[in-house]
């Protein structure tokens, strides 16, 4: 092997060792999700609402907010279109902002309302 190749392989091996030892910082956990069965309606609803509301948001922050919203019995209903369809925008807005799932209260509430009519 050429010397350059050996040097690169040595560097890669060293990086792997440092990572395994926890010496390389990692990003915050993202795309956290509740333990709901794959293929279930709840899983589909959980993964579609946050990105529908704001697909440009920082991923770790969005998923942390979604996770907190899902696990709070007072805010979890916002994931279900039938609930959204039967409640006022004010009530929806209040629940969407509780755990910062919606950062732009009026805009994201309107998006959620429109989305619930499509699902």
N, C-alpha and C. Protein backbone atom coordinates (compact mmCIF):
# COMPACT_ATOMS: atom_id res chain seq x y z
N UNK A 1 0.83 -1.19 0.00
CA UNK A 1 0.00 0.00 0.00
C UNK A 1 0.87 1.25 0.00
N UNK A 2 0.36 2.26 -0.64
CA UNK A 2 1.09 3.52 -0.68
C UNK A 2 1.07 4.16 0.71
N UNK A 3 2.09 4.92 0.98
CA UNK A 3 2.22 5.57 2.29
C UNK A 3 1.02 6.46 2.61
N UNK A 4 0.51 7.18 1.62
CA UNK A 4 -0.65 8.06 1.84
C UNK A 4 -1.86 7.25 2.28
N UNK A 5 -2.06 6.08 1.69
CA UNK A 5 -3.19 5.22 2.04
C UNK A 5 -3.07 4.72 3.47
N UNK A 6 -1.86 4.31 3.84
CA UNK A 6 -1.62 3.83 5.21
C UNK A 6 -1.88 4.95 6.21
N UNK A 7 -1.42 6.15 5.90
CA UNK A 7 -1.63 7.29 6.79
C UNK A 7 -3.12 7.58 6.96
N UNK A 8 -3.87 7.54 5.89
CA UNK A 8 -5.32 7.78 5.97
C UNK A 8 -5.99 6.69 6.79
N UNK A 9 -5.63 5.45 6.55
CA UNK A 9 -6.21 4.34 7.32
C UNK A 9 -5.87 4.46 8.80
N UNK A 10 -4.63 4.86 9.11
CA UNK A 10 -4.24 5.07 10.50
C UNK A 10 -5.09 6.17 11.15
N UNK A 11 -5.34 7.23 10.42
CA UNK A 11 -6.15 8.33 10.94
C UNK A 11 -7.60 7.88 11.17
N UNK A 12 -8.13 7.12 10.23
CA UNK A 12 -9.49 6.61 10.39
C UNK A 12 -9.59 5.71 11.62
N UNK A 13 -8.61 4.84 11.78
CA UNK A 13 -8.60 3.94 12.94
C UNK A 13 -8.53 4.75 14.24
N UNK A 14 -7.72 5.78 14.26
CA UNK A 14 -7.59 6.62 15.45
C UNK A 14 -8.92 7.34 15.75
N UNK A 15 -9.58 7.84 14.71
CA UNK A 15 -10.88 8.48 14.91
C UNK A 15 -11.89 7.50 15.48
N UNK A 16 -11.89 6.28 14.98
CA UNK A 16 -12.81 5.26 15.50
C UNK A 16 -12.54 4.99 16.98
N UNK A 17 -11.27 4.91 17.35
CA UNK A 17 -10.91 4.68 18.75
C UNK A 17 -11.38 5.84 19.63
N UNK A 18 -11.15 7.06 19.18
CA UNK A 18 -11.57 8.23 19.95
C UNK A 18 -13.10 8.27 20.09
N UNK A 19 -13.81 7.96 19.00
CA UNK A 19 -15.26 7.95 19.06
C UNK A 19 -15.76 6.89 20.03
N UNK A 20 -15.20 5.68 19.94
CA UNK A 20 -15.61 4.58 20.82
C UNK A 20 -15.34 4.93 22.28
N UNK A 21 -14.31 5.72 22.53
CA UNK A 21 -13.98 6.11 23.90
C UNK A 21 -14.80 7.31 24.38
N UNK A 22 -15.67 7.83 23.51
CA UNK A 22 -16.51 8.96 23.89
C UNK A 22 -15.79 10.29 23.91
N UNK A 23 -14.67 10.37 23.21
CA UNK A 23 -13.88 11.59 23.23
C UNK A 23 -14.21 12.55 22.08
N UNK A 24 -15.13 12.14 21.22
CA UNK A 24 -15.57 13.02 20.14
C UNK A 24 -17.01 13.41 20.45
N UNK A 25 -17.27 14.70 20.61
CA UNK A 25 -18.63 15.13 20.94
C UNK A 25 -19.60 14.77 19.81
N UNK A 26 -20.82 14.45 20.20
CA UNK A 26 -21.85 14.13 19.22
C UNK A 26 -22.97 15.16 19.32
N UNK A 27 -23.79 15.20 18.31
CA UNK A 27 -24.94 16.11 18.31
C UNK A 27 -25.97 15.62 19.32
N UNK A 28 -26.83 16.53 19.70
CA UNK A 28 -27.93 16.16 20.60
C UNK A 28 -28.80 15.10 19.93
N UNK A 29 -29.42 14.29 20.75
CA UNK A 29 -30.29 13.24 20.22
C UNK A 29 -31.44 13.89 19.45
N UNK A 30 -31.71 13.37 18.28
CA UNK A 30 -32.82 13.88 17.50
C UNK A 30 -33.64 12.71 16.96
N UNK A 31 -34.77 13.07 16.41
CA UNK A 31 -35.72 12.08 15.93
C UNK A 31 -36.08 11.07 17.02
N UNK A 32 -36.22 11.58 18.23
CA UNK A 32 -36.71 10.74 19.32
C UNK A 32 -38.19 10.50 19.06
N UNK A 33 -38.65 9.34 19.43
CA UNK A 33 -40.05 9.04 19.17
C UNK A 33 -40.60 8.12 20.25
N UNK A 34 -41.90 8.17 20.44
CA UNK A 34 -42.53 7.31 21.44
C UNK A 34 -42.48 5.86 20.98
N UNK A 35 -42.61 4.98 21.92
CA UNK A 35 -42.59 3.55 21.62
C UNK A 35 -43.97 3.12 21.15
N UNK A 36 -44.24 3.40 19.89
CA UNK A 36 -45.51 2.97 19.28
C UNK A 36 -45.17 2.01 18.15
N UNK A 37 -46.01 1.05 17.88
CA UNK A 37 -45.71 0.02 16.89
C UNK A 37 -45.45 0.59 15.49
N UNK A 38 -44.43 0.06 14.84
CA UNK A 38 -44.15 0.43 13.45
C UNK A 38 -45.37 0.11 12.61
N UNK A 39 -45.70 0.99 11.71
CA UNK A 39 -46.85 0.77 10.84
C UNK A 39 -48.18 1.19 11.44
N UNK A 40 -48.17 1.63 12.69
CA UNK A 40 -49.43 2.03 13.34
C UNK A 40 -49.83 3.45 12.91
N UNK A 41 -51.08 3.73 13.06
CA UNK A 41 -51.59 5.07 12.76
C UNK A 41 -50.92 6.11 13.65
N UNK A 42 -50.75 5.77 14.92
CA UNK A 42 -50.13 6.71 15.86
C UNK A 42 -48.71 7.06 15.43
N UNK A 43 -47.96 6.10 14.97
CA UNK A 43 -46.58 6.36 14.52
C UNK A 43 -46.59 7.29 13.29
N UNK A 44 -47.49 7.00 12.37
CA UNK A 44 -47.63 7.84 11.18
C UNK A 44 -47.96 9.28 11.59
N UNK A 45 -48.92 9.44 12.47
CA UNK A 45 -49.33 10.77 12.90
C UNK A 45 -48.19 11.48 13.63
N UNK A 46 -47.47 10.75 14.47
CA UNK A 46 -46.36 11.35 15.22
C UNK A 46 -45.29 11.89 14.28
N UNK A 47 -44.94 11.12 13.27
CA UNK A 47 -43.84 11.53 12.40
C UNK A 47 -44.25 12.54 11.33
N UNK A 48 -45.53 12.69 11.06
CA UNK A 48 -45.92 13.65 10.02
C UNK A 48 -46.25 15.04 10.55
N UNK A 49 -46.84 15.15 11.72
CA UNK A 49 -47.24 16.48 12.21
C UNK A 49 -46.06 17.44 12.39
N UNK A 50 -44.99 17.08 13.10
CA UNK A 50 -43.92 18.06 13.32
C UNK A 50 -43.30 18.60 12.03
N UNK A 51 -43.03 17.72 11.07
CA UNK A 51 -42.41 18.20 9.83
C UNK A 51 -43.40 18.96 8.96
N UNK A 52 -44.68 18.66 9.09
CA UNK A 52 -45.69 19.41 8.35
C UNK A 52 -45.77 20.84 8.88
N UNK A 53 -45.72 20.98 10.18
CA UNK A 53 -45.82 22.31 10.79
C UNK A 53 -44.61 23.18 10.43
N UNK A 54 -43.41 22.62 10.53
CA UNK A 54 -42.21 23.43 10.31
C UNK A 54 -41.04 22.56 9.89
N UNK A 55 -40.90 22.33 8.61
CA UNK A 55 -39.84 21.46 8.11
C UNK A 55 -38.47 22.12 8.10
N UNK A 56 -38.39 23.41 8.33
CA UNK A 56 -37.10 24.11 8.32
C UNK A 56 -36.48 24.24 9.71
N UNK A 57 -37.13 23.75 10.70
CA UNK A 57 -36.68 23.90 12.07
C UNK A 57 -35.51 22.97 12.38
N UNK A 58 -34.72 23.34 13.36
CA UNK A 58 -33.63 22.49 13.84
C UNK A 58 -34.20 21.13 14.25
N UNK A 59 -33.66 20.09 13.67
CA UNK A 59 -34.20 18.74 13.90
C UNK A 59 -34.19 18.32 15.36
N UNK A 60 -33.07 18.44 16.09
CA UNK A 60 -33.10 18.00 17.50
C UNK A 60 -34.15 18.74 18.32
N UNK A 61 -34.27 20.04 18.14
CA UNK A 61 -35.24 20.81 18.92
C UNK A 61 -36.67 20.43 18.54
N UNK A 62 -36.91 20.23 17.25
CA UNK A 62 -38.26 19.87 16.81
C UNK A 62 -38.68 18.53 17.40
N UNK A 63 -37.80 17.53 17.32
CA UNK A 63 -38.17 16.20 17.80
C UNK A 63 -38.30 16.16 19.32
N UNK A 64 -37.50 16.95 20.03
CA UNK A 64 -37.66 17.02 21.49
C UNK A 64 -39.02 17.62 21.84
N UNK A 65 -39.42 18.66 21.11
CA UNK A 65 -40.73 19.27 21.34
C UNK A 65 -41.86 18.31 21.00
N UNK A 66 -41.70 17.59 19.90
CA UNK A 66 -42.73 16.61 19.50
C UNK A 66 -42.86 15.52 20.55
N UNK A 67 -41.73 15.05 21.05
CA UNK A 67 -41.73 13.99 22.06
C UNK A 67 -42.43 14.45 23.33
N UNK A 68 -42.10 15.67 23.77
CA UNK A 68 -42.73 16.21 24.98
C UNK A 68 -44.23 16.41 24.76
N UNK A 69 -44.61 16.88 23.58
CA UNK A 69 -46.02 17.08 23.26
C UNK A 69 -46.77 15.76 23.26
N UNK A 70 -46.16 14.73 22.70
CA UNK A 70 -46.80 13.40 22.63
C UNK A 70 -47.02 12.82 24.03
N UNK A 71 -46.05 12.99 24.91
CA UNK A 71 -46.12 12.37 26.24
C UNK A 71 -46.93 13.16 27.27
N UNK A 72 -47.39 14.33 26.90
CA UNK A 72 -48.22 15.12 27.80
C UNK A 72 -49.69 14.85 27.44
N UNK A 73 -50.46 14.26 28.35
CA UNK A 73 -51.86 13.94 28.04
C UNK A 73 -52.68 15.16 27.62
N UNK A 74 -52.29 16.34 28.07
CA UNK A 74 -53.02 17.56 27.71
C UNK A 74 -52.74 18.01 26.28
N UNK A 75 -51.55 17.68 25.77
CA UNK A 75 -51.18 18.16 24.44
C UNK A 75 -51.18 17.08 23.36
N UNK A 76 -51.16 15.82 23.75
CA UNK A 76 -51.10 14.74 22.76
C UNK A 76 -52.22 14.79 21.71
N UNK A 77 -53.42 15.22 22.06
CA UNK A 77 -54.50 15.22 21.06
C UNK A 77 -54.19 16.02 19.79
N UNK A 78 -53.23 16.96 19.82
CA UNK A 78 -52.95 17.75 18.62
C UNK A 78 -52.45 16.89 17.46
N UNK A 79 -52.01 15.67 17.75
CA UNK A 79 -51.53 14.77 16.69
C UNK A 79 -52.68 14.11 15.93
N UNK A 80 -53.89 14.18 16.48
CA UNK A 80 -55.02 13.45 15.90
C UNK A 80 -55.95 14.40 15.14
N UNK A 81 -56.08 14.20 13.83
CA UNK A 81 -56.87 15.12 13.01
C UNK A 81 -58.32 15.25 13.45
N UNK A 82 -58.90 14.17 13.96
CA UNK A 82 -60.30 14.25 14.40
C UNK A 82 -60.44 15.17 15.61
N UNK A 83 -59.43 15.22 16.46
CA UNK A 83 -59.46 16.13 17.60
C UNK A 83 -59.34 17.57 17.10
N UNK A 84 -58.38 17.80 16.21
CA UNK A 84 -58.15 19.15 15.67
C UNK A 84 -59.42 19.67 15.00
N UNK A 85 -60.10 18.81 14.25
CA UNK A 85 -61.31 19.22 13.53
C UNK A 85 -62.44 19.63 14.46
N UNK A 86 -62.43 19.13 15.68
CA UNK A 86 -63.53 19.39 16.61
C UNK A 86 -63.21 20.38 17.72
N UNK A 87 -62.09 21.08 17.59
CA UNK A 87 -61.71 22.05 18.62
C UNK A 87 -61.34 23.39 17.99
N UNK A 88 -61.40 24.42 18.78
CA UNK A 88 -61.13 25.77 18.27
C UNK A 88 -59.65 25.96 17.98
N UNK A 89 -59.38 26.95 17.12
CA UNK A 89 -57.99 27.29 16.83
C UNK A 89 -57.27 27.77 18.08
N UNK A 90 -57.97 28.47 18.95
CA UNK A 90 -57.35 28.95 20.18
C UNK A 90 -56.90 27.79 21.06
N UNK A 91 -57.75 26.77 21.17
CA UNK A 91 -57.39 25.62 21.98
C UNK A 91 -56.23 24.86 21.35
N UNK A 92 -56.26 24.69 20.04
CA UNK A 92 -55.17 24.03 19.33
C UNK A 92 -53.87 24.81 19.51
N UNK A 93 -53.94 26.12 19.31
CA UNK A 93 -52.76 26.98 19.44
C UNK A 93 -52.13 26.83 20.83
N UNK A 94 -52.97 26.87 21.85
CA UNK A 94 -52.47 26.75 23.22
C UNK A 94 -51.71 25.45 23.44
N UNK A 95 -52.21 24.39 22.88
CA UNK A 95 -51.56 23.09 23.06
C UNK A 95 -50.31 22.96 22.20
N UNK A 96 -50.32 23.54 21.01
CA UNK A 96 -49.15 23.46 20.14
C UNK A 96 -47.95 24.23 20.70
N UNK A 97 -48.22 25.31 21.40
CA UNK A 97 -47.11 26.12 21.92
C UNK A 97 -46.64 25.67 23.31
N UNK A 98 -47.40 24.82 23.98
CA UNK A 98 -47.05 24.40 25.34
C UNK A 98 -45.62 23.87 25.42
N UNK A 99 -45.26 22.97 24.53
CA UNK A 99 -43.91 22.39 24.52
C UNK A 99 -43.11 22.88 23.32
N UNK A 100 -43.53 24.02 22.78
CA UNK A 100 -42.85 24.67 21.66
C UNK A 100 -42.83 23.84 20.37
N UNK A 101 -43.87 23.01 20.18
CA UNK A 101 -43.98 22.32 18.90
C UNK A 101 -44.25 23.35 17.81
N UNK A 102 -45.08 24.33 18.10
CA UNK A 102 -45.31 25.46 17.20
C UNK A 102 -44.53 26.65 17.73
N UNK A 103 -43.66 27.19 16.89
CA UNK A 103 -42.90 28.37 17.29
C UNK A 103 -43.58 29.65 16.81
N UNK A 104 -44.27 29.57 15.69
CA UNK A 104 -45.04 30.69 15.16
C UNK A 104 -46.51 30.34 15.40
N UNK A 105 -47.01 30.77 16.51
CA UNK A 105 -48.31 30.29 17.00
C UNK A 105 -49.43 30.36 15.97
N UNK A 106 -49.62 31.49 15.34
CA UNK A 106 -50.74 31.62 14.39
C UNK A 106 -50.49 30.83 13.11
N UNK A 107 -49.32 30.98 12.56
CA UNK A 107 -49.00 30.30 11.30
C UNK A 107 -49.03 28.78 11.45
N UNK A 108 -48.38 28.28 12.48
CA UNK A 108 -48.30 26.83 12.66
C UNK A 108 -49.64 26.23 13.06
N UNK A 109 -50.47 26.99 13.74
CA UNK A 109 -51.82 26.52 14.05
C UNK A 109 -52.63 26.40 12.76
N UNK A 110 -52.51 27.38 11.88
CA UNK A 110 -53.23 27.34 10.60
C UNK A 110 -52.76 26.15 9.76
N UNK A 111 -51.47 25.89 9.76
CA UNK A 111 -50.93 24.74 9.01
C UNK A 111 -51.48 23.45 9.59
N UNK A 112 -51.49 23.33 10.90
CA UNK A 112 -52.00 22.12 11.55
C UNK A 112 -53.47 21.90 11.24
N UNK A 113 -54.24 22.98 11.23
CA UNK A 113 -55.67 22.88 10.92
C UNK A 113 -55.87 22.40 9.49
N UNK A 114 -55.14 22.98 8.55
CA UNK A 114 -55.23 22.56 7.15
C UNK A 114 -54.79 21.12 6.98
N UNK A 115 -53.70 20.76 7.64
CA UNK A 115 -53.17 19.40 7.55
C UNK A 115 -54.19 18.38 8.07
N UNK A 116 -54.89 18.72 9.14
CA UNK A 116 -55.85 17.76 9.71
C UNK A 116 -56.99 17.47 8.75
N UNK A 117 -57.28 18.39 7.87
CA UNK A 117 -58.33 18.18 6.88
C UNK A 117 -57.88 17.26 5.75
N UNK A 118 -56.56 17.10 5.60
CA UNK A 118 -56.01 16.27 4.53
C UNK A 118 -55.72 14.84 4.98
N UNK A 119 -55.60 14.63 6.28
CA UNK A 119 -55.20 13.29 6.75
C UNK A 119 -56.40 12.45 7.07
